[in-house]
PDB file of all heavy atoms in Angstrom:
ATOM      1  N   LEU A   1     -23.189  13.726  -7.677  1.00  0.00           N
ATOM      2  CA  LEU A   1     -22.400  14.782  -8.297  1.00  0.00           C
ATOM      3  C   LEU A   1     -20.996  14.838  -7.677  1.00  0.00           C
ATOM      4  O   LEU A   1     -19.996  14.991  -8.380  1.00  0.00           O
ATOM      5  CB  LEU A   1     -23.099  16.133  -8.140  1.00  0.00           C
ATOM      6  CG  LEU A   1     -22.381  17.350  -8.731  1.00  0.00           C
ATOM      7  CD1 LEU A   1     -22.122  17.167 -10.221  1.00  0.00           C
ATOM      8  CD2 LEU A   1     -23.184  18.623  -8.474  1.00  0.00           C
ATOM      9  N   PHE A   2     -20.926  14.711  -6.357  1.00  0.00           N
ATOM     10  CA  PHE A   2     -19.630  14.671  -5.687  1.00  0.00           C
ATOM     11  C   PHE A   2     -18.779  13.518  -6.222  1.00  0.00           C
ATOM     12  O   PHE A   2     -17.589  13.684  -6.508  1.00  0.00           O
ATOM     13  CB  PHE A   2     -19.811  14.504  -4.171  1.00  0.00           C
ATOM     14  CG  PHE A   2     -19.772  15.798  -3.428  1.00  0.00           C
ATOM     15  CD1 PHE A   2     -20.929  16.373  -2.952  1.00  0.00           C
ATOM     16  CD2 PHE A   2     -18.567  16.442  -3.190  1.00  0.00           C
ATOM     17  CE1 PHE A   2     -20.902  17.575  -2.256  1.00  0.00           C
ATOM     18  CE2 PHE A   2     -18.518  17.632  -2.499  1.00  0.00           C
ATOM     19  CZ  PHE A   2     -19.694  18.204  -2.029  1.00  0.00           C
ATOM     20  N   ILE A   3     -19.398  12.355  -6.341  1.00  0.00           N
ATOM     21  CA  ILE A   3     -18.653  11.181  -6.808  1.00  0.00           C
ATOM     22  C   ILE A   3     -18.179  11.392  -8.240  1.00  0.00           C
ATOM     23  O   ILE A   3     -17.032  11.088  -8.582  1.00  0.00           O
ATOM     24  CB  ILE A   3     -19.540   9.913  -6.698  1.00  0.00           C
ATOM     25  CG1 ILE A   3     -19.793   9.583  -5.217  1.00  0.00           C
ATOM     26  CG2 ILE A   3     -18.875   8.730  -7.408  1.00  0.00           C
ATOM     27  CD1 ILE A   3     -20.832   8.498  -4.992  1.00  0.00           C
ATOM     28  N   ARG A   4     -19.044  11.969  -9.086  1.00  0.00           N
ATOM     29  CA  ARG A   4     -18.673  12.183 -10.492  1.00  0.00           C
ATOM     30  C   ARG A   4     -17.512  13.164 -10.623  1.00  0.00           C
ATOM     31  O   ARG A   4     -16.630  12.990 -11.476  1.00  0.00           O
ATOM     32  CB  ARG A   4     -19.902  12.687 -11.265  1.00  0.00           C
ATOM     33  CG  ARG A   4     -19.643  12.916 -12.736  1.00  0.00           C
ATOM     34  CD  ARG A   4     -20.940  12.904 -13.529  1.00  0.00           C
ATOM     35  NE  ARG A   4     -21.907  13.853 -13.029  1.00  0.00           N
ATOM     36  CZ  ARG A   4     -21.961  15.147 -13.384  1.00  0.00           C
ATOM     37  NH1 ARG A   4     -21.064  15.623 -14.243  1.00  0.00           N
ATOM     38  NH2 ARG A   4     -22.869  15.950 -12.908  1.00  0.00           N
ATOM     39  N   LEU A   5     -17.499  14.197  -9.791  1.00  0.00           N
ATOM     40  CA  LEU A   5     -16.426  15.183  -9.863  1.00  0.00           C
ATOM     41  C   LEU A   5     -15.165  14.738  -9.121  1.00  0.00           C
ATOM     42  O   LEU A   5     -14.043  15.033  -9.537  1.00  0.00           O
ATOM     43  CB  LEU A   5     -16.904  16.523  -9.290  1.00  0.00           C
ATOM     44  CG  LEU A   5     -17.957  17.280 -10.087  1.00  0.00           C
ATOM     45  CD1 LEU A   5     -18.396  18.531  -9.348  1.00  0.00           C
ATOM     46  CD2 LEU A   5     -17.446  17.642 -11.476  1.00  0.00           C
ATOM     47  N   ALA A   6     -15.357  14.033  -8.006  1.00  0.00           N
ATOM     48  CA  ALA A   6     -14.208  13.680  -7.160  1.00  0.00           C
ATOM     49  C   ALA A   6     -13.458  12.448  -7.659  1.00  0.00           C
ATOM     50  O   ALA A   6     -12.243  12.346  -7.458  1.00  0.00           O
ATOM     51  CB  ALA A   6     -14.669  13.456  -5.714  1.00  0.00           C
ATOM     52  N   MET A   7     -14.162  11.513  -8.305  1.00  0.00           N
ATOM     53  CA  MET A   7     -13.518  10.249  -8.674  1.00  0.00           C
ATOM     54  C   MET A   7     -12.344  10.432  -9.630  1.00  0.00           C
ATOM     55  O   MET A   7     -11.289   9.798  -9.446  1.00  0.00           O
ATOM     56  CB  MET A   7     -14.543   9.288  -9.273  1.00  0.00           C
ATOM     57  CG  MET A   7     -15.393   8.577  -8.221  1.00  0.00           C
ATOM     58  SD  MET A   7     -14.414   7.695  -6.978  1.00  0.00           S
ATOM     59  CE  MET A   7     -13.642   6.436  -7.986  1.00  0.00           C
ATOM     60  N   PRO A   8     -12.449  11.258 -10.686  1.00  0.00           N
ATOM     61  CA  PRO A   8     -11.269  11.446 -11.541  1.00  0.00           C
ATOM     62  C   PRO A   8     -10.075  12.022 -10.776  1.00  0.00           C
ATOM     63  O   PRO A   8      -8.935  11.622 -11.002  1.00  0.00           O
ATOM     64  CB  PRO A   8     -11.763  12.419 -12.611  1.00  0.00           C
ATOM     65  CG  PRO A   8     -13.236  12.233 -12.650  1.00  0.00           C
ATOM     66  CD  PRO A   8     -13.621  11.965 -11.230  1.00  0.00           C
ATOM     67  N   ILE A   9     -10.344  12.981  -9.864  1.00  0.00           N
ATOM     68  CA  ILE A   9      -9.254  13.540  -9.067  1.00  0.00           C
ATOM     69  C   ILE A   9      -8.674  12.468  -8.153  1.00  0.00           C
ATOM     70  O   ILE A   9      -7.456  12.362  -7.977  1.00  0.00           O
ATOM     71  CB  ILE A   9      -9.758  14.729  -8.223  1.00  0.00           C
ATOM     72  CG1 ILE A   9     -10.391  15.779  -9.119  1.00  0.00           C
ATOM     73  CG2 ILE A   9      -8.622  15.345  -7.411  1.00  0.00           C
ATOM     74  CD1 ILE A   9     -11.023  16.928  -8.363  1.00  0.00           C
ATOM     75  N   LEU A  10      -9.550  11.657  -7.574  1.00  0.00           N
ATOM     76  CA  LEU A  10      -9.106  10.572  -6.699  1.00  0.00           C
ATOM     77  C   LEU A  10      -8.205   9.607  -7.451  1.00  0.00           C
ATOM     78  O   LEU A  10      -7.155   9.197  -6.941  1.00  0.00           O
ATOM     79  CB  LEU A  10     -10.328   9.835  -6.130  1.00  0.00           C
ATOM     80  CG  LEU A  10     -10.041   8.696  -5.150  1.00  0.00           C
ATOM     81  CD1 LEU A  10      -9.449   9.240  -3.875  1.00  0.00           C
ATOM     82  CD2 LEU A  10     -11.305   7.917  -4.852  1.00  0.00           C
ATOM     83  N   MET A  11      -8.589   9.259  -8.675  1.00  0.00           N
ATOM     84  CA  MET A  11      -7.771   8.335  -9.470  1.00  0.00           C
ATOM     85  C   MET A  11      -6.409   8.952  -9.789  1.00  0.00           C
ATOM     86  O   MET A  11      -5.371   8.292  -9.707  1.00  0.00           O
ATOM     87  CB  MET A  11      -8.500   7.984 -10.766  1.00  0.00           C
ATOM     88  CG  MET A  11      -9.757   7.157 -10.561  1.00  0.00           C
ATOM     89  SD  MET A  11      -9.444   5.607  -9.686  1.00  0.00           S
ATOM     90  CE  MET A  11      -8.342   4.793 -10.853  1.00  0.00           C
ATOM     91  N   GLY A  12      -6.417  10.237 -10.156  1.00  0.00           N
ATOM     92  CA  GLY A  12      -5.154  10.908 -10.427  1.00  0.00           C
ATOM     93  C   GLY A  12      -4.264  10.953  -9.207  1.00  0.00           C
ATOM     94  O   GLY A  12      -3.045  10.741  -9.289  1.00  0.00           O
ATOM     95  N   MET A  13      -4.856  11.219  -8.055  1.00  0.00           N
ATOM     96  CA  MET A  13      -4.074  11.297  -6.820  1.00  0.00           C
ATOM     97  C   MET A  13      -3.592   9.923  -6.360  1.00  0.00           C
ATOM     98  O   MET A  13      -2.547   9.815  -5.699  1.00  0.00           O
ATOM     99  CB  MET A  13      -4.902  11.964  -5.724  1.00  0.00           C
ATOM    100  CG  MET A  13      -5.079  13.457  -5.943  1.00  0.00           C
ATOM    101  SD  MET A  13      -5.940  14.265  -4.590  1.00  0.00           S
ATOM    102  CE  MET A  13      -5.693  15.995  -5.049  1.00  0.00           C
ATOM    103  N   LEU A  14      -4.336   8.890  -6.680  1.00  0.00           N
ATOM    104  CA  LEU A  14      -3.863   7.537  -6.365  1.00  0.00           C
ATOM    105  C   LEU A  14      -2.582   7.227  -7.137  1.00  0.00           C
ATOM    106  O   LEU A  14      -1.667   6.575  -6.614  1.00  0.00           O
ATOM    107  CB  LEU A  14      -4.946   6.500  -6.684  1.00  0.00           C
ATOM    108  CG  LEU A  14      -6.110   6.435  -5.687  1.00  0.00           C
ATOM    109  CD1 LEU A  14      -7.184   5.469  -6.191  1.00  0.00           C
ATOM    110  CD2 LEU A  14      -5.617   5.999  -4.309  1.00  0.00           C
ATOM    111  N   PHE A  15      -2.524   7.694  -8.381  1.00  0.00           N
ATOM    112  CA  PHE A  15      -1.278   7.534  -9.134  1.00  0.00           C
ATOM    113  C   PHE A  15      -0.163   8.378  -8.521  1.00  0.00           C
ATOM    114  O   PHE A  15       1.006   7.987  -8.545  1.00  0.00           O
ATOM    115  CB  PHE A  15      -1.489   7.906 -10.602  1.00  0.00           C
ATOM    116  CG  PHE A  15      -1.864   6.736 -11.458  1.00  0.00           C
ATOM    117  CD1 PHE A  15      -3.181   6.322 -11.546  1.00  0.00           C
ATOM    118  CD2 PHE A  15      -0.901   6.035 -12.167  1.00  0.00           C
ATOM    119  CE1 PHE A  15      -3.538   5.236 -12.328  1.00  0.00           C
ATOM    120  CE2 PHE A  15      -1.241   4.948 -12.953  1.00  0.00           C
ATOM    121  CZ  PHE A  15      -2.569   4.539 -13.037  1.00  0.00           C
ATOM    122  N   ASN A  16      -0.534   9.530  -7.972  1.00  0.00           N
ATOM    123  CA  ASN A  16       0.463  10.340  -7.273  1.00  0.00           C
ATOM    124  C   ASN A  16       0.982   9.610  -6.046  1.00  0.00           C
ATOM    125  O   ASN A  16       2.180   9.644  -5.737  1.00  0.00           O
ATOM    126  CB  ASN A  16      -0.146  11.683  -6.859  1.00  0.00           C
ATOM    127  CG  ASN A  16       0.875  12.623  -6.286  1.00  0.00           C
ATOM    128  OD1 ASN A  16       1.818  13.033  -6.957  1.00  0.00           O
ATOM    129  ND2 ASN A  16       0.727  12.958  -5.019  1.00  0.00           N
ATOM    130  N   LEU A  17       0.072   8.937  -5.337  1.00  0.00           N
ATOM    131  CA  LEU A  17       0.479   8.120  -4.192  1.00  0.00           C
ATOM    132  C   LEU A  17       1.375   6.978  -4.636  1.00  0.00           C
ATOM    133  O   LEU A  17       2.402   6.688  -3.997  1.00  0.00           O
ATOM    134  CB  LEU A  17      -0.763   7.580  -3.475  1.00  0.00           C
ATOM    135  CG  LEU A  17      -0.498   6.565  -2.355  1.00  0.00           C
ATOM    136  CD1 LEU A  17       0.339   7.191  -1.246  1.00  0.00           C
ATOM    137  CD2 LEU A  17      -1.819   6.016  -1.811  1.00  0.00           C
ATOM    138  N   LEU A  18       0.989   6.329  -5.748  1.00  0.00           N
ATOM    139  CA  LEU A  18       1.804   5.230  -6.272  1.00  0.00           C
ATOM    140  C   LEU A  18       3.210   5.731  -6.612  1.00  0.00           C
ATOM    141  O   LEU A  18       4.211   5.075  -6.301  1.00  0.00           O
ATOM    142  CB  LEU A  18       1.137   4.638  -7.513  1.00  0.00           C
ATOM    143  CG  LEU A  18       1.889   3.488  -8.200  1.00  0.00           C
ATOM    144  CD1 LEU A  18       2.042   2.300  -7.260  1.00  0.00           C
ATOM    145  CD2 LEU A  18       1.160   3.071  -9.483  1.00  0.00           C
ATOM    146  N   TYR A  19       3.277   6.921  -7.240  1.00  0.00           N
ATOM    147  CA  TYR A  19       4.586   7.502  -7.546  1.00  0.00           C
ATOM    148  C   TYR A  19       5.374   7.756  -6.270  1.00  0.00           C
ATOM    149  O   TYR A  19       6.572   7.470  -6.192  1.00  0.00           O
ATOM    150  CB  TYR A  19       4.415   8.819  -8.314  1.00  0.00           C
ATOM    151  CG  TYR A  19       5.455   9.844  -7.978  1.00  0.00           C
ATOM    152  CD1 TYR A  19       6.785   9.664  -8.359  1.00  0.00           C
ATOM    153  CD2 TYR A  19       5.129  10.984  -7.248  1.00  0.00           C
ATOM    154  CE1 TYR A  19       7.748  10.597  -8.023  1.00  0.00           C
ATOM    155  CE2 TYR A  19       6.082  11.916  -6.918  1.00  0.00           C
ATOM    156  CZ  TYR A  19       7.390  11.718  -7.304  1.00  0.00           C
ATOM    157  OH  TYR A  19       8.346  12.629  -6.962  1.00  0.00           O
ATOM    158  N   THR A  20       4.712   8.314  -5.241  1.00  0.00           N
ATOM    159  CA  THR A  20       5.397   8.609  -3.981  1.00  0.00           C
ATOM    160  C   THR A  20       5.984   7.342  -3.376  1.00  0.00           C
ATOM    161  O   THR A  20       7.124   7.333  -2.898  1.00  0.00           O
ATOM    162  CB  THR A  20       4.413   9.256  -2.989  1.00  0.00           C
ATOM    163  OG1 THR A  20       3.919  10.469  -3.555  1.00  0.00           O
ATOM    164  CG2 THR A  20       5.089   9.556  -1.665  1.00  0.00           C
ATOM    165  N   ILE A  21       5.187   6.265  -3.392  1.00  0.00           N
ATOM    166  CA  ILE A  21       5.659   4.997  -2.824  1.00  0.00           C
ATOM    167  C   ILE A  21       6.827   4.447  -3.633  1.00  0.00           C
ATOM    168  O   ILE A  21       7.860   4.051  -3.078  1.00  0.00           O
ATOM    169  CB  ILE A  21       4.500   3.979  -2.771  1.00  0.00           C
ATOM    170  CG1 ILE A  21       3.430   4.452  -1.778  1.00  0.00           C
ATOM    171  CG2 ILE A  21       5.015   2.595  -2.392  1.00  0.00           C
ATOM    172  CD1 ILE A  21       2.171   3.617  -1.790  1.00  0.00           C
ATOM    173  N   VAL A  22       6.680   4.430  -4.962  1.00  0.00           N
ATOM    174  CA  VAL A  22       7.735   3.895  -5.823  1.00  0.00           C
ATOM    175  C   VAL A  22       9.002   4.738  -5.712  1.00  0.00           C
ATOM    176  O   VAL A  22      10.118   4.217  -5.602  1.00  0.00           O
ATOM    177  CB  VAL A  22       7.248   3.827  -7.292  1.00  0.00           C
ATOM    178  CG1 VAL A  22       8.403   3.459  -8.223  1.00  0.00           C
ATOM    179  CG2 VAL A  22       6.123   2.816  -7.424  1.00  0.00           C
ATOM    180  N   ASP A  23       8.820   6.057  -5.716  1.00  0.00           N
ATOM    181  CA  ASP A  23       9.954   6.965  -5.595  1.00  0.00           C
ATOM    182  C   ASP A  23      10.707   6.717  -4.286  1.00  0.00           C
ATOM    183  O   ASP A  23      11.942   6.631  -4.254  1.00  0.00           O
ATOM    184  CB  ASP A  23       9.446   8.410  -5.645  1.00  0.00           C
ATOM    185  CG  ASP A  23      10.565   9.424  -5.838  1.00  0.00           C
ATOM    186  OD1 ASP A  23      11.247   9.344  -6.872  1.00  0.00           O
ATOM    187  OD2 ASP A  23      10.757  10.287  -4.966  1.00  0.00           O
ATOM    188  N   THR A  24       9.949   6.580  -3.187  1.00  0.00           N
ATOM    189  CA  THR A  24      10.564   6.326  -1.881  1.00  0.00           C
ATOM    190  C   THR A  24      11.244   4.967  -1.852  1.00  0.00           C
ATOM    191  O   THR A  24      12.331   4.813  -1.268  1.00  0.00           O
ATOM    192  CB  THR A  24       9.500   6.416  -0.770  1.00  0.00           C
ATOM    193  OG1 THR A  24       8.802   7.664  -0.880  1.00  0.00           O
ATOM    194  CG2 THR A  24      10.140   6.334   0.601  1.00  0.00           C
ATOM    195  N   LEU A  25      10.624   3.982  -2.496  1.00  0.00           N
ATOM    196  CA  LEU A  25      11.223   2.646  -2.543  1.00  0.00           C
ATOM    197  C   LEU A  25      12.576   2.662  -3.257  1.00  0.00           C
ATOM    198  O   LEU A  25      13.558   2.095  -2.766  1.00  0.00           O
ATOM    199  CB  LEU A  25      10.280   1.665  -3.252  1.00  0.00           C
ATOM    200  CG  LEU A  25       9.170   1.036  -2.413  1.00  0.00           C
ATOM    201  CD1 LEU A  25       8.194   0.285  -3.309  1.00  0.00           C
ATOM    202  CD2 LEU A  25       9.761   0.096  -1.369  1.00  0.00           C
ATOM    203  N   PHE A  26      12.636   3.332  -4.391  1.00  0.00           N
ATOM    204  CA  PHE A  26      13.894   3.363  -5.149  1.00  0.00           C
ATOM    205  C   PHE A  26      14.963   4.202  -4.452  1.00  0.00           C
ATOM    206  O   PHE A  26      16.146   3.866  -4.484  1.00  0.00           O
ATOM    207  CB  PHE A  26      13.651   3.859  -6.573  1.00  0.00           C
ATOM    208  CG  PHE A  26      13.016   2.840  -7.468  1.00  0.00           C
ATOM    209  CD1 PHE A  26      11.795   3.080  -8.071  1.00  0.00           C
ATOM    210  CD2 PHE A  26      13.642   1.621  -7.712  1.00  0.00           C
ATOM    211  CE1 PHE A  26      11.212   2.135  -8.898  1.00  0.00           C
ATOM    212  CE2 PHE A  26      13.065   0.668  -8.530  1.00  0.00           C
ATOM    213  CZ  PHE A  26      11.841   0.922  -9.122  1.00  0.00           C
ATOM    214  N   ILE A  27      14.529   5.290  -3.801  1.00  0.00           N
ATOM    215  CA  ILE A  27      15.499   6.091  -3.044  1.00  0.00           C
ATOM    216  C   ILE A  27      16.048   5.278  -1.872  1.00  0.00           C
ATOM    217  O   ILE A  27      17.257   5.269  -1.616  1.00  0.00           O
ATOM    218  CB  ILE A  27      14.858   7.404  -2.546  1.00  0.00           C
ATOM    219  CG1 ILE A  27      14.576   8.335  -3.727  1.00  0.00           C
ATOM    220  CG2 ILE A  27      15.775   8.113  -1.549  1.00  0.00           C
ATOM    221  CD1 ILE A  27      13.839   9.602  -3.348  1.00  0.00           C
ATOM    222  N   SER A  28      15.158   4.561  -1.181  1.00  0.00           N
ATOM    223  CA  SER A  28      15.611   3.751  -0.049  1.00  0.00           C
ATOM    224  C   SER A  28      16.486   2.594  -0.508  1.00  0.00           C
ATOM    225  O   SER A  28      17.356   2.120   0.229  1.00  0.00           O
ATOM    226  CB  SER A  28      14.412   3.216   0.735  1.00  0.00           C
ATOM    227  OG  SER A  28      13.657   2.300  -0.047  1.00  0.00           O
ATOM    228  N   ALA A  29      16.280   2.133  -1.772  1.00  0.00           N
ATOM    229  CA  ALA A  29      17.074   1.017  -2.301  1.00  0.00           C
ATOM    230  C   ALA A  29      18.542   1.395  -2.500  1.00  0.00           C
ATOM    231  O   ALA A  29      19.395   0.515  -2.645  1.00  0.00           O
ATOM    232  CB  ALA A  29      16.477   0.535  -3.618  1.00  0.00           C
TER     233      ALA A  29
END
């Protein structure tokens, strides 16, 4: 049940992490 509820949030937050990394990369560029 934890995995079923947490996995969609985890996937969404991974995209948030990806955005943070990309955003920081372009700002540093």
